Amino acid sequence: MDHDVLIIGGSFAGMSAAMQLARARKAVLVLDTGMPRNRFAEASHGFPGQDGQSPVAIKARLREELSAYPTVRFRDEAALSARREGEGFRVTLAGGSDVAARRIVLAYGVRDSLPDLPGLAERWGASVLHCPYCHGYELDRQPVGVLARDEMAFHQAMLLPDWGQTTLFTGRAFHPTDEEVQSLKSRGVQIEETPVVELIGTGPALEAVRLEDGRMVPLAGLFLAPQTAPSSDIAAQLGCELRDGPTGPYVAVDQMQATTVAGVFAAGDLASPMPNATLAAAAGVMAGGAAHRSLIFDPDFRPQNGRAS
């Protein structure tokens, strides 16, 4: 067997898993495509000890730390396919080679599908945002908006007045109930039903949105909940159960980050309905430790007791 554990994904979750295994002196290979979900953001906020640092810098530092452990290797390559083979797994890489491992940790994250609006994609991660806890403070109480995709917009719009005067753009995607309208009004949220057709300003900054009727609404930030999907189909190839989350499917795991397939663990945005850098790192710690323990207590892939929840 080439490796004790293969980690597919080299961002916060994957490298946190690798750290636990490295310190147990296990042979670990981390596959990293260099395309983390947070690559569009200039700074990561709310990550303990790293507030305000760029995700690129945090990731580089983590990789430097891991490189000090002699049992850890990195390959900047994608996994194309994976299958059970004997006492472990065999994974085919984009370059055509194969690697074998006794256990797998899936940490390749998700990809976002954004609304098709002029000016939106180039502002993603700068002034078009998904998380007020991550990015709201830096907008400095300027006007903000919520672009509705579905009923999740109500939740976002209720939160956002703590970061700035808020307008909920319902368009044709969401129609709040009378009770929801009253709740929004109690928070000072303006409700705008006319669809947004364009984002205005010198990108990546945002100055306003243009509505279908030609009106302009000044904004410094626009929040939305993008549709998400796993950035690879490796989990599905292995037979891992997927669940429907509020923005898209995610891999089902138990409290130890074990999937429904013995020997396969998952962590990060891929395995959670709630994306967050700190939570991803914590889940990676759990997945790494659980993969290590499984090598000791379940060396022959005995069936799991129960299913992931």
C-alpha atoms as a PDB file:
ATOM      1  CA  MET A   1       0.000   0.000   0.000  1.00  0.00           C
ATOM      2  CA  ASP A   2       1.446   3.379  -1.040  1.00  0.00           C
ATOM      3  CA  HIS A   3       0.006   5.436   1.815  1.00  0.00           C
ATOM      4  CA  ASP A   4      -1.840   5.025   5.070  1.00  0.00           C
ATOM      5  CA  VAL A   5      -4.229   7.860   4.238  1.00  0.00           C
ATOM      6  CA  LEU A   6      -4.953   9.748   1.034  1.00  0.00           C
ATOM      7  CA  ILE A   7      -6.465  13.217   1.542  1.00  0.00           C
ATOM      8  CA  ILE A   8      -8.260  14.597  -1.492  1.00  0.00           C
ATOM      9  CA  GLY A   9      -8.280  18.372  -1.009  1.00  0.00           C
ATOM     10  CA  GLY A  10      -5.563  20.646   0.326  1.00  0.00           C
ATOM     11  CA  SER A  11      -7.350  23.548   1.962  1.00  0.00           C
ATOM     12  CA  PHE A  12      -8.255  24.097   5.628  1.00  0.00           C
ATOM     13  CA  ALA A  13     -10.124  20.812   6.190  1.00  0.00           C
ATOM     14  CA  GLY A  14      -7.682  18.626   4.298  1.00  0.00           C
ATOM     15  CA  MET A  15      -4.546  20.056   5.878  1.00  0.00           C
ATOM     16  CA  SER A  16      -6.065  19.956   9.357  1.00  0.00           C
ATOM     17  CA  ALA A  17      -6.718  16.245   8.821  1.00  0.00           C
ATOM     18  CA  ALA A  18      -3.176  15.785   7.533  1.00  0.00           C
ATOM     19  CA  MET A  19      -1.709  17.421  10.636  1.00  0.00           C
ATOM     20  CA  GLN A  20      -3.302  14.889  12.991  1.00  0.00           C
ATOM     21  CA  LEU A  21      -2.090  11.995  10.868  1.00  0.00           C
ATOM     22  CA  ALA A  22       1.397  13.471  10.459  1.00  0.00           C
ATOM     23  CA  ARG A  23       1.770  13.711  14.192  1.00  0.00           C
ATOM     24  CA  ALA A  24       0.833  10.033  14.411  1.00  0.00           C
ATOM     25  CA  ARG A  25       3.662   9.380  11.917  1.00  0.00           C
ATOM     26  CA  LYS A  26       1.312   7.966   9.297  1.00  0.00           C
ATOM     27  CA  ALA A  27       2.200   8.072   5.612  1.00  0.00           C
ATOM     28  CA  VAL A  28      -0.081  10.739   4.159  1.00  0.00           C
ATOM     29  CA  LEU A  29      -0.539  12.046   0.622  1.00  0.00           C
ATOM     30  CA  VAL A  30      -2.451  15.299   0.131  1.00  0.00           C
ATOM     31  CA  LEU A  31      -3.864  16.021  -3.314  1.00  0.00           C
ATOM     32  CA  ASP A  32      -4.314  19.734  -3.946  1.00  0.00           C
ATOM     33  CA  THR A  33      -5.717  21.331  -7.113  1.00  0.00           C
ATOM     34  CA  GLY A  34      -4.942  24.838  -5.823  1.00  0.00           C
ATOM     35  CA  MET A  35      -8.555  25.942  -6.407  1.00  0.00           C
ATOM     36  CA  PRO A  36     -10.118  26.404  -2.934  1.00  0.00           C
ATOM     37  CA  ARG A  37     -13.586  27.899  -2.713  1.00  0.00           C
ATOM     38  CA  ASN A  38     -12.262  30.924  -0.784  1.00  0.00           C
ATOM     39  CA  ARG A  39      -9.708  31.896  -3.458  1.00  0.00           C
ATOM     40  CA  PHE A  40     -11.821  34.912  -4.462  1.00  0.00           C
ATOM     41  CA  ALA A  41     -11.616  36.527  -1.004  1.00  0.00           C
ATOM     42  CA  GLU A  42      -8.742  38.854  -0.109  1.00  0.00           C
ATOM     43  CA  ALA A  43      -9.050  38.160   3.615  1.00  0.00           C
ATOM     44  CA  SER A  44     -10.416  35.528   5.952  1.00  0.00           C
ATOM     45  CA  HIS A  45     -12.311  36.857   8.962  1.00  0.00           C
ATOM     46  CA  GLY A  46     -13.551  35.091  12.072  1.00  0.00           C
ATOM     47  CA  PHE A  47     -10.859  32.394  11.877  1.00  0.00           C
ATOM     48  CA  PRO A  48      -9.271  32.343  15.368  1.00  0.00           C
ATOM     49  CA  GLY A  49      -5.678  33.507  15.249  1.00  0.00           C
ATOM     50  CA  GLN A  50      -5.862  34.374  11.537  1.00  0.00           C
ATOM     51  CA  ASP A  51      -8.395  37.213  11.400  1.00  0.00           C
ATOM     52  CA  GLY A  52      -7.694  39.452   8.422  1.00  0.00           C
ATOM     53  CA  GLN A  53      -5.119  37.171   6.816  1.00  0.00           C
ATOM     54  CA  SER A  54      -5.564  36.145   3.196  1.00  0.00           C
ATOM     55  CA  PRO A  55      -6.758  32.572   2.638  1.00  0.00           C
ATOM     56  CA  VAL A  56      -3.796  32.094   0.293  1.00  0.00           C
ATOM     57  CA  ALA A  57      -1.347  33.080   3.038  1.00  0.00           C
ATOM     58  CA  ILE A  58      -3.045  30.888   5.646  1.00  0.00           C
ATOM     59  CA  LYS A  59      -2.964  27.922   3.303  1.00  0.00           C
ATOM     60  CA  ALA A  60       0.703  28.519   2.433  1.00  0.00           C
ATOM     61  CA  ARG A  61       1.596  28.637   6.109  1.00  0.00           C
ATOM     62  CA  LEU A  62      -0.297  25.406   6.823  1.00  0.00           C
ATOM     63  CA  ARG A  63       1.501  23.666   3.968  1.00  0.00           C
ATOM     64  CA  GLU A  64       4.846  24.913   5.254  1.00  0.00           C
ATOM     65  CA  GLU A  65       4.074  23.546   8.708  1.00  0.00           C
ATOM     66  CA  LEU A  66       3.037  20.170   7.310  1.00  0.00           C
ATOM     67  CA  SER A  67       6.120  19.946   5.119  1.00  0.00           C
ATOM     68  CA  ALA A  68       8.220  19.714   8.286  1.00  0.00           C
ATOM     69  CA  TYR A  69       6.763  16.251   8.911  1.00  0.00           C
ATOM     70  CA  PRO A  70       8.650  13.579   6.963  1.00  0.00           C
ATOM     71  CA  THR A  71       5.650  11.287   6.423  1.00  0.00           C
ATOM     72  CA  VAL A  72       3.565  13.897   4.556  1.00  0.00           C
ATOM     73  CA  ARG A  73       3.709  14.386   0.793  1.00  0.00           C
ATOM     74  CA  PHE A  74       1.842  16.770  -1.501  1.00  0.00           C
ATOM     75  CA  ARG A  75       0.847  16.407  -5.118  1.00  0.00           C
ATOM     76  CA  ASP A  76      -0.678  19.339  -6.981  1.00  0.00           C
ATOM     77  CA  GLU A  77      -3.040  17.155  -8.935  1.00  0.00           C
ATOM     78  CA  ALA A  78      -6.727  16.253  -9.072  1.00  0.00           C
ATOM     79  CA  ALA A  79      -8.248  12.856  -8.366  1.00  0.00           C
ATOM     80  CA  LEU A  80     -10.327  11.581 -11.291  1.00  0.00           C
ATOM     81  CA  SER A  81     -11.635   8.268 -10.002  1.00  0.00           C
ATOM     82  CA  ALA A  82     -11.573   6.112  -6.890  1.00  0.00           C
ATOM     83  CA  ARG A  83     -12.487   2.531  -6.100  1.00  0.00           C
ATOM     84  CA  ARG A  84     -12.196  -0.028  -3.324  1.00  0.00           C
ATOM     85  CA  GLU A  85      -9.315  -2.428  -3.917  1.00  0.00           C
ATOM     86  CA  GLY A  86      -8.304  -5.186  -1.519  1.00  0.00           C
ATOM     87  CA  GLU A  87      -7.625  -3.752   1.933  1.00  0.00           C
ATOM     88  CA  GLY A  88      -7.818  -0.154   0.772  1.00  0.00           C
ATOM     89  CA  PHE A  89      -8.525   2.093  -2.163  1.00  0.00           C
ATOM     90  CA  ARG A  90      -6.976   2.946  -5.508  1.00  0.00           C
ATOM     91  CA  VAL A  91      -7.298   6.460  -6.913  1.00  0.00           C
ATOM     92  CA  THR A  92      -6.481   7.514 -10.466  1.00  0.00           C
ATOM     93  CA  LEU A  93      -5.016  11.013 -10.833  1.00  0.00           C
ATOM     94  CA  ALA A  94      -5.456  13.557 -13.599  1.00  0.00           C
ATOM     95  CA  GLY A  95      -1.948  12.870 -14.900  1.00  0.00           C
ATOM     96  CA  GLY A  96      -2.781   9.207 -15.463  1.00  0.00           C
ATOM     97  CA  SER A  97      -0.970   7.623 -12.515  1.00  0.00           C
ATOM     98  CA  ASP A  98      -2.578   5.664  -9.676  1.00  0.00           C
ATOM     99  CA  VAL A  99      -2.061   5.861  -5.922  1.00  0.00           C
ATOM    100  CA  ALA A 100      -3.184   3.395  -3.273  1.00  0.00           C
ATOM    101  CA  ALA A 101      -4.143   4.107   0.331  1.00  0.00           C
ATOM    102  CA  ARG A 102      -5.670   2.272   3.266  1.00  0.00           C
ATOM    103  CA  ARG A 103      -8.035   5.140   4.081  1.00  0.00           C
ATOM    104  CA  ILE A 104      -9.388   8.219   2.297  1.00  0.00           C
ATOM    105  CA  VAL A 105     -10.352  11.637   3.641  1.00  0.00           C
ATOM    106  CA  LEU A 106     -12.505  13.637   1.220  1.00  0.00           C
ATOM    107  CA  ALA A 107     -11.953  17.379   1.642  1.00  0.00           C
ATOM    108  CA  TYR A 108     -12.279  18.762  -1.878  1.00  0.00           C
ATOM    109  CA  GLY A 109     -15.053  21.207  -1.056  1.00  0.00           C
ATOM    110  CA  VAL A 110     -17.863  22.561  -3.175  1.00  0.00           C
ATOM    111  CA  ARG A 111     -18.265  24.914  -6.093  1.00  0.00           C
ATOM    112  CA  ASP A 112     -20.670  27.846  -6.229  1.00  0.00           C
ATOM    113  CA  SER A 113     -23.181  28.522  -8.991  1.00  0.00           C
ATOM    114  CA  LEU A 114     -23.864  32.263  -9.152  1.00  0.00           C
ATOM    115  CA  PRO A 115     -26.829  34.117 -10.641  1.00  0.00           C
ATOM    116  CA  ASP A 116     -26.310  35.226 -14.231  1.00  0.00           C
ATOM    117  CA  LEU A 117     -26.332  38.991 -13.675  1.00  0.00           C
ATOM    118  CA  PRO A 118     -24.022  41.509 -15.403  1.00  0.00           C
ATOM    119  CA  GLY A 119     -21.293  42.621 -12.997  1.00  0.00           C
ATOM    120  CA  LEU A 120     -21.891  39.910 -10.394  1.00  0.00           C
ATOM    121  CA  ALA A 121     -19.247  37.249 -11.049  1.00  0.00           C
ATOM    122  CA  GLU A 122     -16.291  39.665 -11.017  1.00  0.00           C
ATOM    123  CA  ARG A 123     -17.366  40.966  -7.602  1.00  0.00           C
ATOM    124  CA  TRP A 124     -17.768  37.542  -5.970  1.00  0.00           C
ATOM    125  CA  GLY A 125     -15.797  37.409  -2.724  1.00  0.00           C
ATOM    126  CA  ALA A 126     -15.195  41.190  -2.683  1.00  0.00           C
ATOM    127  CA  SER A 127     -18.518  43.043  -2.668  1.00  0.00           C
ATOM    128  CA  VAL A 128     -20.867  40.175  -3.589  1.00  0.00           C
ATOM    129  CA  LEU A 129     -20.778  37.928  -0.551  1.00  0.00           C
ATOM    130  CA  HIS A 130     -22.404  34.959   1.146  1.00  0.00           C
ATOM    131  CA  CYS A 131     -21.587  35.363   4.861  1.00  0.00           C
ATOM    132  CA  PRO A 132     -22.025  38.526   6.937  1.00  0.00           C
ATOM    133  CA  TYR A 133     -19.965  37.072   9.790  1.00  0.00           C
ATOM    134  CA  CYS A 134     -17.048  36.669   7.381  1.00  0.00           C
ATOM    135  CA  HIS A 135     -17.337  39.944   5.476  1.00  0.00           C
ATOM    136  CA  GLY A 136     -20.034  42.200   6.929  1.00  0.00           C
ATOM    137  CA  TYR A 137     -17.915  44.181   9.391  1.00  0.00           C
ATOM    138  CA  GLU A 138     -15.642  45.552   6.659  1.00  0.00           C
ATOM    139  CA  LEU A 139     -18.623  47.144   4.876  1.00  0.00           C
ATOM    140  CA  ASP A 140     -18.619  49.669   7.729  1.00  0.00           C
ATOM    141  CA  ARG A 141     -22.400  50.029   8.145  1.00  0.00           C
ATOM    142  CA  GLN A 142     -22.930  51.141   4.564  1.00  0.00           C
ATOM    143  CA  PRO A 143     -26.132  50.071   2.736  1.00  0.00           C
ATOM    144  CA  VAL A 144     -26.294  46.363   1.902  1.00  0.00           C
ATOM    145  CA  GLY A 145     -28.673  44.150   0.000  1.00  0.00           C
ATOM    146  CA  VAL A 146     -29.859  40.558  -0.153  1.00  0.00           C
ATOM    147  CA  LEU A 147     -30.511  38.989  -3.534  1.00  0.00           C
ATOM    148  CA  ALA A 148     -33.155  36.315  -3.058  1.00  0.00           C
ATOM    149  CA  ARG A 149     -32.799  32.849  -4.545  1.00  0.00           C
ATOM    150  CA  ASP A 150     -35.390  31.217  -2.287  1.00  0.00           C
ATOM    151  CA  GLU A 151     -36.786  31.503   1.239  1.00  0.00           C
ATOM    152  CA  MET A 152     -33.258  31.508   2.731  1.00  0.00           C
ATOM    153  CA  ALA A 153     -33.174  35.189   1.783  1.00  0.00           C
ATOM    154  CA  PHE A 154     -35.514  35.943   4.683  1.00  0.00           C
ATOM    155  CA  HIS A 155     -32.968  34.602   7.169  1.00  0.00           C
ATOM    156  CA  GLN A 156     -30.135  36.610   5.602  1.00  0.00           C
ATOM    157  CA  ALA A 157     -32.206  39.787   5.494  1.00  0.00           C
ATOM    158  CA  MET A 158     -33.143  39.455   9.169  1.00  0.00           C
ATOM    159  CA  LEU A 159     -29.466  39.202  10.152  1.00  0.00           C
ATOM    160  CA  LEU A 160     -27.973  41.920   7.985  1.00  0.00           C
ATOM    161  CA  PRO A 161     -29.305  45.122   9.627  1.00  0.00           C
ATOM    162  CA  ASP A 162     -26.613  44.662  12.292  1.00  0.00           C
ATOM    163  CA  TRP A 163     -24.084  45.373   9.509  1.00  0.00           C
ATOM    164  CA  GLY A 164     -25.911  48.091   7.566  1.00  0.00           C
ATOM    165  CA  GLN A 165     -29.224  49.411   6.275  1.00  0.00           C
ATOM    166  CA  THR A 166     -30.650  46.441   4.397  1.00  0.00           C
ATOM    167  CA  THR A 167     -32.763  46.003   1.272  1.00  0.00           C
ATOM    168  CA  LEU A 168     -34.206  42.614   0.377  1.00  0.00           C
ATOM    169  CA  PHE A 169     -34.517  42.154  -3.379  1.00  0.00           C
ATOM    170  CA  THR A 170     -37.169  39.477  -3.746  1.00  0.00           C
ATOM    171  CA  GLY A 171     -37.492  39.674  -7.539  1.00  0.00           C
ATOM    172  CA  ARG A 172     -39.543  36.720  -8.713  1.00  0.00           C
ATOM    173  CA  ALA A 173     -37.683  34.212  -6.539  1.00  0.00           C
ATOM    174  CA  PHE A 174     -39.250  34.701  -3.122  1.00  0.00           C
ATOM    175  CA  HIS A 175     -42.538  36.042  -1.775  1.00  0.00           C
ATOM    176  CA  PRO A 176     -42.435  36.637   2.004  1.00  0.00           C
ATOM    177  CA  THR A 177     -45.517  35.877   4.033  1.00  0.00           C
ATOM    178  CA  ASP A 178     -47.357  38.637   5.867  1.00  0.00           C
ATOM    179  CA  GLU A 179     -45.705  37.501   9.098  1.00  0.00           C
ATOM    180  CA  GLU A 180     -42.274  37.589   7.474  1.00  0.00           C
ATOM    181  CA  VAL A 181     -42.940  41.058   6.089  1.00  0.00           C
ATOM    182  CA  GLN A 182     -43.745  42.304   9.582  1.00  0.00           C
ATOM    183  CA  SER A 183     -40.596  40.705  10.981  1.00  0.00           C
ATOM    184  CA  LEU A 184     -38.483  42.323   8.251  1.00  0.00           C
ATOM    185  CA  LYS A 185     -40.065  45.717   8.862  1.00  0.00           C
ATOM    186  CA  SER A 186     -39.361  45.381  12.583  1.00  0.00           C
ATOM    187  CA  ARG A 187     -35.680  45.131  11.658  1.00  0.00           C
ATOM    188  CA  GLY A 188     -35.883  48.117   9.339  1.00  0.00           C
ATOM    189  CA  VAL A 189     -35.465  46.029   6.165  1.00  0.00           C
ATOM    190  CA  GLN A 190     -36.719  47.543   2.914  1.00  0.00           C
ATOM    191  CA  ILE A 191     -38.430  45.083   0.554  1.00  0.00           C
ATOM    192  CA  GLU A 192     -37.927  45.621  -3.172  1.00  0.00           C
ATOM    193  CA  GLU A 193     -39.893  43.372  -5.545  1.00  0.00           C
ATOM    194  CA  THR A 194     -38.577  44.749  -8.851  1.00  0.00           C
ATOM    195  CA  PRO A 195     -35.821  42.400 -10.142  1.00  0.00           C
ATOM    196  CA  VAL A 196     -32.158  43.408 -10.143  1.00  0.00           C
ATOM    197  CA  VAL A 197     -30.714  43.424 -13.682  1.00  0.00           C
ATOM    198  CA  GLU A 198     -27.176  44.776 -13.237  1.00  0.00           C
ATOM    199  CA  LEU A 199     -24.492  45.603 -10.678  1.00  0.00           C
ATOM    200  CA  ILE A 200     -22.907  49.039 -10.980  1.00  0.00           C
ATOM    201  CA  GLY A 201     -19.525  50.440  -9.901  1.00  0.00           C
ATOM    202  CA  THR A 202     -15.815  50.163 -10.520  1.00  0.00           C
ATOM    203  CA  GLY A 203     -15.227  46.483  -9.826  1.00  0.00           C
ATOM    204  CA  PRO A 204     -14.610  44.696  -7.632  1.00  0.00           C
ATOM    205  CA  ALA A 205     -16.293  47.426  -5.542  1.00  0.00           C
ATOM    206  CA  LEU A 206     -20.053  47.840  -5.691  1.00  0.00           C
ATOM    207  CA  GLU A 207     -21.812  51.207  -5.795  1.00  0.00           C
ATOM    208  CA  ALA A 208     -25.387  50.303  -6.700  1.00  0.00           C
ATOM    209  CA  VAL A 209     -27.708  47.840  -8.403  1.00  0.00           C
ATOM    210  CA  ARG A 210     -29.904  48.699 -11.360  1.00  0.00           C
ATOM    211  CA  LEU A 211     -33.482  47.467 -11.287  1.00  0.00           C
ATOM    212  CA  GLU A 212     -35.601  46.290 -14.189  1.00  0.00           C
ATOM    213  CA  ASP A 213     -37.523  49.569 -14.219  1.00  0.00           C
ATOM    214  CA  GLY A 214     -34.296  51.596 -14.449  1.00  0.00           C
ATOM    215  CA  ARG A 215     -34.092  52.715 -10.816  1.00  0.00           C
ATOM    216  CA  MET A 216     -30.725  52.573  -9.024  1.00  0.00           C
ATOM    217  CA  VAL A 217     -30.365  51.448  -5.404  1.00  0.00           C
ATOM    218  CA  PRO A 218     -27.037  52.439  -3.738  1.00  0.00           C
ATOM    219  CA  LEU A 219     -25.245  49.478  -2.110  1.00  0.00           C
ATOM    220  CA  ALA A 220     -21.771  48.697  -0.787  1.00  0.00           C
ATOM    221  CA  GLY A 221     -22.366  44.959  -0.568  1.00  0.00           C
ATOM    222  CA  LEU A 222     -24.799  42.407  -1.945  1.00  0.00           C
ATOM    223  CA  PHE A 223     -25.349  39.113  -0.118  1.00  0.00           C
ATOM    224  CA  LEU A 224     -26.723  35.934  -1.601  1.00  0.00           C
ATOM    225  CA  ALA A 225     -26.849  32.193  -0.976  1.00  0.00           C
ATOM    226  CA  PRO A 226     -25.370  30.546  -4.078  1.00  0.00           C
ATOM    227  CA  GLN A 227     -26.345  27.081  -5.214  1.00  0.00           C
ATOM    228  CA  THR A 228     -23.545  24.656  -4.327  1.00  0.00           C
ATOM    229  CA  ALA A 229     -22.413  21.244  -5.547  1.00  0.00           C
ATOM    230  CA  PRO A 230     -19.461  18.994  -4.675  1.00  0.00           C
ATOM    231  CA  SER A 231     -16.441  20.020  -6.738  1.00  0.00           C
ATOM    232  CA  SER A 232     -15.770  16.355  -7.617  1.00  0.00           C
ATOM    233  CA  ASP A 233     -17.861  13.196  -7.971  1.00  0.00           C
ATOM    234  CA  ILE A 234     -15.382  11.029  -6.041  1.00  0.00           C
ATOM    235  CA  ALA A 235     -17.771  10.614  -3.084  1.00  0.00           C
ATOM    236  CA  ALA A 236     -20.498   9.390  -5.410  1.00  0.00           C
ATOM    237  CA  GLN A 237     -18.077   7.010  -7.149  1.00  0.00           C
ATOM    238  CA  LEU A 238     -17.220   5.470  -3.786  1.00  0.00           C
ATOM    239  CA  GLY A 239     -20.904   5.105  -2.904  1.00  0.00           C
ATOM    240  CA  CYS A 240     -21.048   7.689  -0.115  1.00  0.00           C
ATOM    241  CA  GLU A 241     -24.523   8.843   0.810  1.00  0.00           C
ATOM    242  CA  LEU A 242     -25.370  12.442  -0.082  1.00  0.00           C
ATOM    243  CA  ARG A 243     -27.906  14.642   1.692  1.00  0.00           C
ATOM    244  CA  ASP A 244     -29.820  17.683   0.491  1.00  0.00           C
ATOM    245  CA  GLY A 245     -28.684  20.858   2.253  1.00  0.00           C
ATOM    246  CA  PRO A 246     -30.100  24.388   2.085  1.00  0.00           C
ATOM    247  CA  THR A 247     -27.842  25.324  -0.856  1.00  0.00           C
ATOM    248  CA  GLY A 248     -27.170  21.904  -2.392  1.00  0.00           C
ATOM    249  CA  PRO A 249     -26.048  18.314  -1.714  1.00  0.00           C
ATOM    250  CA  TYR A 250     -23.373  17.428   0.830  1.00  0.00           C
ATOM    251  CA  VAL A 251     -21.755  14.176   1.981  1.00  0.00           C
ATOM    252  CA  ALA A 252     -23.437  12.584   4.981  1.00  0.00           C
ATOM    253  CA  VAL A 253     -21.083  11.943   7.914  1.00  0.00           C
ATOM    254  CA  ASP A 254     -21.420  10.891  11.524  1.00  0.00           C
ATOM    255  CA  GLN A 255     -20.024  12.756  14.529  1.00  0.00           C
ATOM    256  CA  MET A 256     -16.554  11.368  13.766  1.00  0.00           C
ATOM    257  CA  GLN A 257     -16.702  12.556  10.111  1.00  0.00           C
ATOM    258  CA  ALA A 258     -17.088   8.966   8.870  1.00  0.00           C
ATOM    259  CA  THR A 259     -19.126   8.610   5.680  1.00  0.00           C
ATOM    260  CA  THR A 260     -21.506   5.730   5.019  1.00  0.00           C
ATOM    261  CA  VAL A 261     -18.634   3.895   3.270  1.00  0.00           C
ATOM    262  CA  ALA A 262     -16.209   2.142   5.628  1.00  0.00           C
ATOM    263  CA  GLY A 263     -12.730   3.616   5.458  1.00  0.00           C
ATOM    264  CA  VAL A 264     -13.841   6.892   3.878  1.00  0.00           C
ATOM    265  CA  PHE A 265     -14.077  10.113   5.893  1.00  0.00           C
ATOM    266  CA  ALA A 266     -15.135  13.591   4.782  1.00  0.00           C
ATOM    267  CA  ALA A 267     -14.693  17.108   6.158  1.00  0.00           C
ATOM    268  CA  GLY A 268     -15.163  20.749   5.309  1.00  0.00           C
ATOM    269  CA  ASP A 269     -17.817  22.386   3.132  1.00  0.00           C
ATOM    270  CA  LEU A 270     -18.195  19.098   1.246  1.00  0.00           C
ATOM    271  CA  ALA A 271     -19.567  17.423   4.374  1.00  0.00           C
ATOM    272  CA  SER A 272     -21.542  20.188   6.044  1.00  0.00           C
ATOM    273  CA  PRO A 273     -24.663  22.222   5.268  1.00  0.00           C
ATOM    274  CA  MET A 274     -22.940  25.188   6.957  1.00  0.00           C
ATOM    275  CA  PRO A 275     -19.805  26.494   5.191  1.00  0.00           C
ATOM    276  CA  ASN A 276     -17.254  28.104   7.501  1.00  0.00           C
ATOM    277  CA  ALA A 277     -13.447  28.068   7.584  1.00  0.00           C
ATOM    278  CA  THR A 278     -13.179  27.428  11.332  1.00  0.00           C
ATOM    279  CA  LEU A 279     -15.739  24.627  11.195  1.00  0.00           C
ATOM    280  CA  ALA A 280     -13.932  23.126   8.199  1.00  0.00           C
ATOM    281  CA  ALA A 281     -10.634  23.072  10.085  1.00  0.00           C
ATOM    282  CA  ALA A 282     -12.289  21.535  13.151  1.00  0.00           C
ATOM    283  CA  ALA A 283     -13.970  18.863  11.027  1.00  0.00           C
ATOM    284  CA  GLY A 284     -10.607  18.107   9.423  1.00  0.00           C
ATOM    285  CA  VAL A 285      -9.072  17.549  12.847  1.00  0.00           C
ATOM    286  CA  MET A 286     -11.856  15.104  13.662  1.00  0.00           C
ATOM    287  CA  ALA A 287     -11.583  13.303  10.318  1.00  0.00           C
ATOM    288  CA  GLY A 288      -7.816  12.910  10.618  1.00  0.00           C
ATOM    289  CA  GLY A 289      -8.049  11.519  14.111  1.00  0.00           C
ATOM    290  CA  ALA A 290     -10.893   9.189  13.177  1.00  0.00           C
ATOM    291  CA  ALA A 291      -9.016   7.883  10.125  1.00  0.00           C
ATOM    292  CA  HIS A 292      -6.022   7.130  12.347  1.00  0.00           C
ATOM    293  CA  ARG A 293      -8.126   5.313  14.922  1.00  0.00           C
ATOM    294  CA  SER A 294      -9.828   3.273  12.203  1.00  0.00           C
ATOM    295  CA  LEU A 295      -6.433   1.946  11.111  1.00  0.00           C
ATOM    296  CA  ILE A 296      -5.953   0.575  14.622  1.00  0.00           C
ATOM    297  CA  PHE A 297      -9.411  -0.576  15.657  1.00  0.00           C
ATOM    298  CA  ASP A 298     -10.970  -1.501  12.296  1.00  0.00           C
ATOM    299  CA  PRO A 299      -8.107  -2.702  10.092  1.00  0.00           C
ATOM    300  CA  ASP A 300     -10.275  -5.090   8.059  1.00  0.00           C
ATOM    301  CA  PHE A 301     -13.105  -2.680   7.155  1.00  0.00           C
ATOM    302  CA  ARG A 302     -15.633  -4.266   9.466  1.00  0.00           C
ATOM    303  CA  PRO A 303     -19.080  -2.760   8.818  1.00  0.00           C
ATOM    304  CA  GLN A 304     -19.876   0.475  10.608  1.00  0.00           C
ATOM    305  CA  ASN A 305     -22.329   0.378  13.476  1.00  0.00           C
ATOM    306  CA  GLY A 306     -25.231   2.435  12.178  1.00  0.00           C
ATOM    307  CA  ARG A 307     -25.320   5.007   9.419  1.00  0.00           C
ATOM    308  CA  ALA A 308     -24.070   8.560   9.195  1.00  0.00           C
ATOM    309  CA  SER A 309     -26.372  11.204  10.540  1.00  0.00           C
END
